[in-house]
Amino acid sequence: MAYDVIVIGSGPGGYVCAVKAAQLGLKVAVVEKRATYGGTCLNIGCIPSKALLHASEMFHQAAHGMDALGVEVGAPKLNLDKMMAHKDATVKSNVEGVSFLFKKNKIDGIQGTGKIVSAGKVSVTNDKGEVQELEAKSIVIATGSDVAGIPGVSVDIDETVIVSSTGGIKLTKVPEKMVVVGGGVIGLELGSVWLRLGAKVTVVEYLDTILGGMDGDVSKQFQRMLAKQGMEFQLGAKVTGVAKSGTGAKVTYEPVKGGEATTIDADVVLIATGRKPFTAGLGLEEAGVVLDNRGRVEIDGHYRTNVPGIYAIGDVVKGPMLAHKAEDEGVALAEILAGQHGHVNYDVIPGVVYTQPEVASVGKTEEELKAAGIAYKVGKFPFTANGRARAMLATDGFVKILADKDTDRVLGGHIIGFGAGEMIHEIAVLMEFGGSSEDLGRTCHAHPTMSEAVKEAALATFFKPIHM
């Protein structure tokens, strides 16, 4: 059967690209190897992890955070099976939602493993070994990413004792001791879930800081907050071995700068060292599609590979491995394929760490501005000085805004605090329109709200805050 567009992969990038292309009048098919749509994000990543993060936060709040508000509930009891059932129900609802969107937009969903035979041709092999040949004017690679593992270390991930993020959301009991290898977003989010549910969690990170790509102020204060919650850190530590031992496992690491090795025991080891583009079995080499030195599909500014008619988006190409980045690329590419002018502003892609408190960032960090030689000014405002935060006992954290020293144009925004993932978007919208810190500071904000801290940080950037 012939299509205008065949999308391989139904994650956020793939399914959004397919829906947008169909809305623009193109005949679309999506090839998906899983039994359900939604890719890693909806099935085993973003969505289930957020369900567990919220549930574990409620458990912790009931145990530690309500008495001060005059709410006395006694010691809460954890029903892990029920919590996991909530997670599974959330996933089911979301993947069924994607299936509904396909039907609504007359998109053909084809279950099976897709392989590019050549420009314009895709073969799909289902779980029975049956092969179906498809043709299309355009083929979109949206196959996402996979667990990267530990560079130079052979690790047997069994998803029971030594787990990736996939097994990290499926544990059947709370481990007494968990070691998280990697101090990035995934490790800190899932580590905080099991910490709140009762595990002793130790994070082993190669770098000297957690959240390596985040603003330095943010990562330092966030580490102190997590340490106060009970999370332990071994930074500047290179993991040299992870192996099962009895019913648990042992993790061996040594200082990156040199020194003696240390071995620690764990009931569960979570490997959270990042992700890598998933291109295996796609037939890219045979089709002549070029990859870069990091295994990503090479594309130009319009998502075109070197082979005419073959495009790529999302985790499989350059840029941050974020679901919303993939979605925006999917929309832009669909518009391009329909003869329009799709575009993504890569300078305004927010990132969020869904811990408690949340961490959110958009645009440049101080370190990036310094490295680029850009003169800038900084405005900060703490939530300790925010009335709504005090009322909610949510005074941890701050808002930080970076603006060009000469033009006052906002170049970056960084927030640690309750609801940071929601508040970051007013800074993103401001940046999308080239706004200044004065524009933001002079915009009326409702009182009392957490968002007033964003306004105050903006006031601090171009002149002086009112409440500090």
Protein backbone atom coordinates (compact mmCIF):
# COMPACT_ATOMS: atom_id res chain seq x y z
CA MET A 1 0.00 0.00 0.00
CA ALA A 2 1.26 3.51 -0.85
CA TYR A 3 1.28 6.40 1.61
CA ASP A 4 2.41 9.99 1.63
CA VAL A 5 4.24 9.41 4.93
CA ILE A 6 5.35 6.32 6.86
CA VAL A 7 6.51 7.02 10.41
CA ILE A 8 8.62 4.33 12.10
CA GLY A 9 8.01 4.62 15.83
CA SER A 10 4.97 5.87 17.74
CA GLY A 11 6.62 7.72 20.63
CA PRO A 12 5.95 11.44 21.23
CA GLY A 13 7.87 12.44 18.11
CA GLY A 14 6.40 9.78 15.86
CA TYR A 15 2.76 9.89 16.85
CA VAL A 16 2.64 13.70 16.94
CA CYS A 17 4.27 13.87 13.51
CA ALA A 18 1.73 11.37 12.19
CA VAL A 19 -1.27 13.20 13.66
CA LYS A 20 -0.12 16.59 12.38
CA ALA A 21 0.60 15.19 8.91
CA ALA A 22 -2.85 13.61 8.78
CA GLN A 23 -4.46 16.87 9.91
CA LEU A 24 -2.68 18.56 7.00
CA GLY A 25 -4.26 16.14 4.55
CA LEU A 26 -1.52 13.54 4.06
CA LYS A 27 -2.12 9.78 4.01
CA VAL A 28 -0.15 8.38 6.93
CA ALA A 29 0.92 5.03 8.37
CA VAL A 30 2.76 4.42 11.64
CA VAL A 31 4.89 1.32 12.21
CA GLU A 32 5.27 0.29 15.86
CA LYS A 33 7.04 -2.80 17.22
CA ARG A 34 5.33 -2.67 20.64
CA ALA A 35 1.86 -4.04 21.25
CA THR A 36 0.82 -0.53 22.33
CA TYR A 37 1.53 2.92 20.95
CA GLY A 38 3.35 5.73 22.73
CA GLY A 39 6.96 4.53 22.68
CA THR A 40 9.26 4.53 25.68
CA CYS A 41 7.76 7.75 27.06
CA LEU A 42 4.18 6.59 27.49
CA ASN A 43 4.87 2.91 28.16
CA ILE A 44 7.95 2.73 30.40
CA GLY A 45 9.34 6.25 30.77
CA CYS A 46 7.83 9.69 31.31
CA ILE A 47 4.26 8.73 32.14
CA PRO A 48 4.67 5.75 34.50
CA SER A 49 7.54 7.43 36.33
CA LYS A 50 5.43 10.54 36.95
CA ALA A 51 2.63 8.38 38.33
CA LEU A 52 5.06 6.84 40.83
CA LEU A 53 6.65 10.19 41.63
CA HIS A 54 3.28 11.70 42.52
CA ALA A 55 2.11 8.67 44.49
CA SER A 56 5.36 8.46 46.47
CA GLU A 57 5.20 12.20 47.17
CA MET A 58 1.70 11.78 48.60
CA PHE A 59 2.91 8.90 50.76
CA HIS A 60 5.82 10.97 52.06
CA GLN A 61 3.59 14.00 52.62
CA ALA A 62 1.16 11.93 54.66
CA ALA A 63 4.01 10.60 56.77
CA HIS A 64 6.00 13.79 57.28
CA GLY A 65 4.36 16.93 55.97
CA MET A 66 0.79 17.21 57.22
CA ASP A 67 1.06 17.42 60.98
CA ALA A 68 2.47 20.97 60.81
CA LEU A 69 -0.67 21.98 58.91
CA GLY A 70 -2.91 20.59 61.63
CA VAL A 71 -3.81 17.44 59.72
CA GLU A 72 -3.20 14.36 61.89
CA VAL A 73 -3.54 11.10 60.01
CA GLY A 74 -1.21 8.70 61.79
CA ALA A 75 1.45 6.59 60.12
CA PRO A 76 0.49 5.80 56.49
CA LYS A 77 0.67 2.24 55.20
CA LEU A 78 2.26 1.54 51.82
CA ASN A 79 0.33 -0.69 49.42
CA LEU A 80 2.93 -1.04 46.68
CA ASP A 81 0.74 -3.31 44.55
CA LYS A 82 -1.99 -0.67 44.51
CA MET A 83 0.52 2.08 43.72
CA MET A 84 1.81 0.04 40.77
CA ALA A 85 -1.77 -0.57 39.64
CA HIS A 86 -2.29 3.21 39.57
CA LYS A 87 0.86 3.51 37.44
CA ASP A 88 -0.34 0.82 35.04
CA ALA A 89 -3.81 2.37 34.75
CA THR A 90 -2.22 5.72 33.92
CA VAL A 91 -0.14 4.12 31.17
CA LYS A 92 -3.17 2.28 29.76
CA SER A 93 -5.19 5.48 29.57
CA ASN A 94 -2.44 7.33 27.75
CA VAL A 95 -1.60 4.65 25.18
CA GLU A 96 -5.28 4.14 24.44
CA GLY A 97 -5.47 7.87 23.87
CA VAL A 98 -2.86 7.62 21.11
CA SER A 99 -4.77 4.74 19.52
CA PHE A 100 -7.90 6.92 19.55
CA LEU A 101 -6.01 9.77 17.85
CA PHE A 102 -4.89 7.41 15.08
CA LYS A 103 -8.47 6.28 14.44
CA LYS A 104 -9.81 9.83 14.59
CA ASN A 105 -7.26 11.05 12.05
CA LYS A 106 -7.52 7.95 9.80
CA ILE A 107 -3.92 6.93 10.41
CA ASP A 108 -3.05 3.29 9.69
CA GLY A 109 -1.28 1.77 12.68
CA ILE A 110 0.81 -1.24 11.66
CA GLN A 111 2.18 -3.51 14.37
CA GLY A 112 5.60 -4.97 13.71
CA THR A 113 9.30 -4.18 13.32
CA GLY A 114 9.97 -1.71 10.54
CA LYS A 115 13.01 -1.77 8.27
CA ILE A 116 13.90 0.68 5.53
CA VAL A 117 14.52 -1.30 2.36
CA SER A 118 15.35 1.77 0.30
CA ALA A 119 14.09 5.29 -0.24
CA GLY A 120 10.29 5.03 -0.39
CA LYS A 121 10.08 1.41 0.79
CA VAL A 122 9.58 -0.09 4.27
CA SER A 123 9.15 -3.73 5.22
CA VAL A 124 7.29 -4.64 8.42
CA THR A 125 7.76 -7.99 10.15
CA ASN A 126 5.11 -8.91 12.72
CA ASP A 127 5.52 -11.24 15.71
CA LYS A 128 4.45 -14.19 13.56
CA GLY A 129 7.29 -13.57 11.13
CA GLU A 130 4.97 -12.32 8.41
CA VAL A 131 6.40 -9.54 6.22
CA GLN A 132 4.42 -6.66 4.76
CA GLU A 133 5.82 -4.27 2.15
CA LEU A 134 4.84 -0.59 2.30
CA GLU A 135 5.62 2.36 0.04
CA ALA A 136 5.63 6.09 0.76
CA LYS A 137 6.85 9.37 -0.66
CA SER A 138 8.47 10.14 2.69
CA ILE A 139 9.79 7.96 5.52
CA VAL A 140 10.27 9.35 9.03
CA ILE A 141 12.65 7.66 11.47
CA ALA A 142 11.28 8.27 14.99
CA THR A 143 12.62 5.22 16.81
CA GLY A 144 13.78 7.03 19.94
CA SER A 145 16.49 5.82 22.30
CA ASP A 146 17.55 2.92 24.49
CA VAL A 147 19.44 2.45 27.75
CA ALA A 148 23.10 3.39 27.26
CA GLY A 149 24.70 1.22 29.95
CA ILE A 150 28.02 2.08 31.61
CA PRO A 151 30.86 2.93 29.18
CA GLY A 152 33.60 0.31 29.34
CA VAL A 153 31.79 -1.84 31.91
CA SER A 154 29.91 -5.04 31.12
CA VAL A 155 26.67 -5.11 33.10
CA ASP A 156 24.04 -7.84 33.09
CA ILE A 157 20.78 -5.93 33.43
CA ASP A 158 18.18 -8.50 34.53
CA GLU A 159 15.51 -5.87 35.43
CA THR A 160 15.12 -7.51 38.86
CA VAL A 161 18.31 -6.88 40.84
CA ILE A 162 20.31 -4.86 38.32
CA VAL A 163 17.73 -2.70 36.60
CA SER A 164 17.40 0.04 34.02
CA SER A 165 14.62 2.61 34.23
CA THR A 166 12.36 -0.10 32.77
CA GLY A 167 12.82 -2.35 35.81
CA GLY A 168 13.05 0.65 38.13
CA ILE A 169 9.32 1.29 37.76
CA LYS A 170 8.36 -2.37 38.28
CA LEU A 171 9.99 -3.40 41.56
CA THR A 172 7.76 -5.71 43.59
CA LYS A 173 9.08 -4.57 46.96
CA VAL A 174 10.94 -1.59 48.39
CA PRO A 175 14.66 -2.39 48.53
CA GLU A 176 16.49 -1.73 51.77
CA LYS A 177 19.51 -0.40 49.88
CA MET A 178 19.51 0.97 46.33
CA VAL A 179 22.54 2.19 44.42
CA VAL A 180 21.84 4.52 41.52
CA VAL A 181 24.60 4.71 38.92
CA GLY A 182 24.23 8.15 37.36
CA GLY A 183 23.19 11.47 38.88
CA GLY A 184 21.11 12.71 35.97
CA VAL A 185 17.37 13.24 35.63
CA ILE A 186 16.30 9.59 35.42
CA GLY A 187 18.47 8.44 38.32
CA LEU A 188 17.39 11.25 40.63
CA GLU A 189 13.70 10.90 39.78
CA LEU A 190 13.50 7.14 40.29
CA GLY A 191 15.95 7.26 43.18
CA SER A 192 13.70 9.77 44.93
CA VAL A 193 10.66 7.52 44.42
CA TRP A 194 12.26 4.62 46.27
CA LEU A 195 13.88 6.92 48.85
CA ARG A 196 10.45 8.25 49.82
CA LEU A 197 9.07 4.73 50.02
CA GLY A 198 11.77 3.70 52.48
CA ALA A 199 14.95 2.69 50.65
CA LYS A 200 18.41 3.93 51.54
CA VAL A 201 19.60 5.44 48.25
CA THR A 202 23.20 6.13 47.22
CA VAL A 203 23.93 7.91 43.94
CA VAL A 204 27.30 7.26 42.28
CA GLU A 205 28.11 9.91 39.66
CA TYR A 206 31.16 10.28 37.41
CA LEU A 207 31.04 14.09 37.41
CA ASP A 208 31.68 16.32 40.41
CA THR A 209 28.09 17.55 40.29
CA ILE A 210 24.62 16.13 39.74
CA LEU A 211 22.47 17.25 36.80
CA GLY A 212 25.66 18.01 34.86
CA GLY A 213 24.03 20.15 32.16
CA MET A 214 22.05 22.31 34.57
CA ASP A 215 23.02 25.73 35.93
CA GLY A 216 25.68 25.40 38.63
CA ASP A 217 23.67 27.24 41.30
CA VAL A 218 20.76 24.92 40.67
CA SER A 219 22.69 21.66 40.83
CA LYS A 220 24.54 22.63 44.03
CA GLN A 221 21.45 23.69 45.94
CA PHE A 222 19.43 20.76 44.62
CA GLN A 223 22.06 18.30 45.83
CA ARG A 224 21.89 19.84 49.30
CA MET A 225 18.10 19.47 49.28
CA LEU A 226 18.27 15.81 48.26
CA ALA A 227 20.96 15.14 50.86
CA LYS A 228 18.69 16.68 53.50
CA GLN A 229 15.97 14.25 52.35
CA GLY A 230 18.39 11.37 52.98
CA MET A 231 19.90 10.69 49.57
CA GLU A 232 23.64 9.98 49.70
CA PHE A 233 26.11 10.93 46.98
CA GLN A 234 29.46 9.68 45.76
CA LEU A 235 30.56 12.26 43.19
CA GLY A 236 33.63 12.21 40.96
CA ALA A 237 33.34 8.43 41.11
CA LYS A 238 33.94 6.06 38.21
CA VAL A 239 32.01 2.78 38.37
CA THR A 240 34.27 -0.11 37.37
CA GLY A 241 32.02 -3.05 38.14
CA VAL A 242 28.43 -4.05 38.83
CA ALA A 243 27.74 -7.69 39.60
CA LYS A 244 25.15 -9.83 41.31
CA SER A 245 26.07 -11.15 44.74
CA GLY A 246 23.73 -13.52 46.53
CA THR A 247 20.27 -11.99 46.44
CA GLY A 248 21.64 -8.53 45.75
CA ALA A 249 24.54 -6.91 43.93
CA LYS A 250 27.86 -5.19 44.48
CA VAL A 251 28.95 -1.91 42.91
CA THR A 252 32.64 -1.05 42.69
CA TYR A 253 33.82 2.48 42.00
CA GLU A 254 37.00 4.51 42.25
CA PRO A 255 37.77 8.24 42.32
CA VAL A 256 37.98 9.72 38.82
CA LYS A 257 41.07 11.66 39.92
CA GLY A 258 42.73 8.48 41.17
CA GLY A 259 42.65 6.50 44.39
CA GLU A 260 41.54 3.26 45.95
CA ALA A 261 38.43 1.41 44.79
CA THR A 262 35.38 1.05 47.03
CA THR A 263 32.74 -1.67 46.87
CA ILE A 264 29.24 -1.22 48.27
CA ASP A 265 26.33 -3.65 48.58
CA ALA A 266 22.83 -3.08 47.28
CA ASP A 267 19.56 -4.95 47.07
CA VAL A 268 18.87 -3.19 43.77
CA VAL A 269 21.20 -1.32 41.42
CA LEU A 270 19.61 1.18 39.04
CA ILE A 271 21.69 1.88 35.92
CA ALA A 272 20.79 5.45 34.96
CA THR A 273 23.76 6.61 32.90
CA GLY A 274 21.77 8.07 30.04
CA ARG A 275 20.35 6.84 26.76
CA LYS A 276 21.60 6.22 23.23
CA PRO A 277 19.85 6.50 19.83
CA PHE A 278 18.00 3.35 18.80
CA THR A 279 18.86 2.45 15.20
CA ALA A 280 19.44 -1.33 15.36
CA GLY A 281 17.68 -3.37 12.68
CA LEU A 282 16.37 -0.34 10.79
CA GLY A 283 18.42 -1.10 7.69
CA LEU A 284 20.05 2.31 7.75
CA GLU A 285 23.45 1.10 6.59
CA GLU A 286 21.93 -0.82 3.66
CA ALA A 287 19.81 2.18 2.74
CA GLY A 288 22.86 4.43 2.86
CA VAL A 289 21.67 6.63 5.74
CA VAL A 290 24.64 8.28 7.45
CA LEU A 291 25.09 8.29 11.25
CA ASP A 292 27.33 10.68 13.17
CA ASN A 293 30.13 9.70 15.57
CA ARG A 294 27.62 9.34 18.43
CA GLY A 295 25.35 6.95 16.56
CA ARG A 296 22.73 9.58 15.77
CA VAL A 297 21.09 9.93 12.38
CA GLU A 298 22.61 12.91 10.60
CA ILE A 299 20.08 15.49 9.43
CA ASP A 300 20.05 18.97 7.97
CA GLY A 301 18.00 21.94 9.14
CA HIS A 302 14.86 20.41 7.65
CA TYR A 303 15.25 16.93 9.26
CA ARG A 304 16.41 15.41 5.96
CA THR A 305 18.97 12.62 6.02
CA ASN A 306 21.48 12.26 3.19
CA VAL A 307 19.03 9.93 1.41
CA PRO A 308 16.23 11.82 -0.39
CA GLY A 309 12.79 11.07 1.09
CA ILE A 310 14.12 9.80 4.44
CA TYR A 311 13.83 12.05 7.51
CA ALA A 312 14.54 11.67 11.22
CA ILE A 313 13.38 13.34 14.47
CA GLY A 314 13.52 12.95 18.24
CA ASP A 315 16.02 11.04 20.37
CA VAL A 316 17.55 9.43 17.29
CA VAL A 317 18.95 12.80 16.12
CA LYS A 318 21.03 15.56 17.70
CA GLY A 319 19.70 17.68 20.56
CA PRO A 320 18.27 17.01 24.02
CA MET A 321 16.51 13.67 24.47
CA LEU A 322 13.20 15.16 25.58
CA ALA A 323 9.70 14.11 24.59
CA HIS A 324 8.53 17.67 23.96
CA LYS A 325 11.55 18.40 21.75
CA ALA A 326 10.58 15.34 19.69
CA GLU A 327 6.95 16.50 19.54
CA ASP A 328 7.90 19.95 18.25
CA GLU A 329 10.16 18.36 15.65
CA GLY A 330 7.31 16.07 14.63
CA VAL A 331 5.01 19.03 14.06
CA ALA A 332 7.67 20.99 12.18
CA LEU A 333 8.50 18.06 9.91
CA ALA A 334 4.84 17.33 9.18
CA GLU A 335 4.40 20.95 8.14
CA ILE A 336 7.48 20.75 5.90
CA LEU A 337 6.20 17.55 4.26
CA ALA A 338 2.88 19.31 3.62
CA GLY A 339 4.67 22.18 1.86
CA GLN A 340 4.67 24.59 4.81
CA HIS A 341 7.55 26.08 6.81
CA GLY A 342 7.94 24.16 10.07
CA HIS A 343 10.46 25.41 12.60
CA VAL A 344 11.71 24.62 16.12
CA ASN A 345 13.43 27.19 18.33
CA TYR A 346 16.07 25.07 20.04
CA ASP A 347 17.05 27.95 22.33
CA VAL A 348 13.68 27.72 24.10
CA ILE A 349 13.18 24.07 25.07
CA PRO A 350 12.43 23.71 28.80
CA GLY A 351 13.68 20.80 30.86
CA VAL A 352 12.13 19.58 34.10
CA VAL A 353 13.24 17.21 36.86
CA TYR A 354 10.02 15.93 38.47
CA THR A 355 11.33 15.43 41.98
CA GLN A 356 10.08 17.29 45.05
CA PRO A 357 10.90 20.11 44.86
CA GLU A 358 10.94 20.23 41.07
CA VAL A 359 13.80 21.64 39.03
CA ALA A 360 13.10 23.46 35.77
CA SER A 361 15.31 25.21 33.27
CA VAL A 362 15.05 26.97 29.91
CA GLY A 363 17.69 28.66 27.78
CA LYS A 364 21.27 29.29 28.77
CA THR A 365 23.04 28.59 32.05
CA GLU A 366 25.55 30.96 33.62
CA GLU A 367 28.32 28.57 32.67
CA GLU A 368 27.26 28.58 29.02
CA LEU A 369 27.06 32.39 28.90
CA LYS A 370 30.51 32.71 30.45
CA ALA A 371 31.97 30.21 27.98
CA ALA A 372 30.43 32.13 25.08
CA GLY A 373 31.78 35.44 26.35
CA ILE A 374 28.29 36.98 26.62
CA ALA A 375 27.92 39.83 29.11
CA TYR A 376 24.91 39.12 31.29
CA LYS A 377 23.13 40.08 34.49
CA VAL A 378 21.47 37.86 37.10
CA GLY A 379 18.30 38.22 39.12
CA LYS A 380 17.39 35.77 41.91
CA PHE A 381 14.51 35.50 44.32
CA PRO A 382 14.04 32.84 47.04
CA PHE A 383 10.74 31.15 47.79
CA THR A 384 11.37 31.85 51.48
CA ALA A 385 10.24 35.41 50.70
CA ASN A 386 7.08 34.32 48.86
CA GLY A 387 3.80 34.46 50.80
CA ARG A 388 2.10 31.55 49.03
CA ALA A 389 5.17 29.36 49.50
CA ARG A 390 5.16 30.09 53.23
CA ALA A 391 1.47 29.22 53.47
CA MET A 392 2.12 25.87 51.74
CA LEU A 393 5.34 25.08 53.65
CA ALA A 394 7.03 25.03 50.23
CA THR A 395 9.81 27.57 50.75
CA ASP A 396 12.70 25.47 49.39
CA GLY A 397 14.38 26.87 46.30
CA PHE A 398 14.58 29.99 44.20
CA VAL A 399 14.01 31.54 40.77
CA LYS A 400 17.01 32.71 38.76
CA ILE A 401 16.82 34.75 35.57
CA LEU A 402 19.69 35.58 33.20
CA ALA A 403 19.45 38.51 30.80
CA ASP A 404 21.73 40.20 28.27
CA LYS A 405 23.61 43.00 30.05
CA ASP A 406 23.05 45.52 27.26
CA THR A 407 19.62 44.66 25.81
CA ASP A 408 17.95 43.07 28.90
CA ARG A 409 16.67 40.27 26.66
CA VAL A 410 16.12 37.15 28.78
CA LEU A 411 18.58 34.41 27.84
CA GLY A 412 17.76 31.79 30.46
CA GLY A 413 15.58 30.93 33.43
CA HIS A 414 16.12 28.40 36.23
CA ILE A 415 13.77 27.40 39.04
CA ILE A 416 13.97 25.06 42.01
CA GLY A 417 10.72 24.87 43.89
CA PHE A 418 7.24 23.44 44.27
CA GLY A 419 5.58 23.54 40.83
CA ALA A 420 8.74 24.69 39.02
CA GLY A 421 7.77 22.61 35.99
CA GLU A 422 4.64 24.70 35.54
CA MET A 423 6.20 28.10 36.33
CA ILE A 424 9.05 27.73 33.83
CA HIS A 425 6.70 28.22 30.89
CA GLU A 426 6.05 31.91 31.41
CA ILE A 427 9.80 32.43 31.03
CA ALA A 428 9.75 30.20 27.92
CA VAL A 429 6.92 32.21 26.34
CA LEU A 430 8.70 35.45 27.17
CA MET A 431 11.89 34.18 25.52
CA GLU A 432 9.99 32.96 22.46
CA PHE A 433 8.88 36.53 21.85
CA GLY A 434 12.31 38.01 22.62
CA GLY A 435 11.11 39.61 25.86
CA SER A 436 13.16 41.41 28.47
CA SER A 437 13.37 40.94 32.22
CA GLU A 438 11.67 44.33 32.55
CA ASP A 439 8.76 43.05 30.39
CA LEU A 440 8.34 40.15 32.80
CA GLY A 441 8.85 42.21 35.94
CA ARG A 442 6.21 44.74 34.85
CA THR A 443 3.63 42.06 34.04
CA CYS A 444 0.98 41.88 36.77
CA HIS A 445 1.01 38.54 38.61
CA ALA A 446 -1.86 37.36 40.82
CA HIS A 447 -1.28 37.49 44.56
CA PRO A 448 -0.64 35.27 46.38
CA THR A 449 0.96 32.82 43.94
CA MET A 450 4.25 30.98 43.67
CA SER A 451 4.67 32.66 40.29
CA GLU A 452 5.21 36.00 42.00
CA ALA A 453 8.73 34.72 42.69
CA VAL A 454 9.30 34.68 38.92
CA LYS A 455 8.20 38.31 38.71
CA GLU A 456 10.44 39.26 41.64
CA ALA A 457 13.44 37.52 40.06
CA ALA A 458 12.76 39.50 36.88
CA LEU A 459 12.58 42.72 38.92
CA ALA A 460 15.89 41.76 40.51
CA THR A 461 17.41 41.31 37.06
CA PHE A 462 16.68 44.76 35.65
CA PHE A 463 16.50 46.81 38.88
CA LYS A 464 15.49 45.67 42.37
CA PRO A 465 12.91 43.21 43.78
CA ILE A 466 10.14 44.58 46.01
CA HIS A 467 9.97 41.86 48.68
CA MET A 468 13.64 41.26 49.45
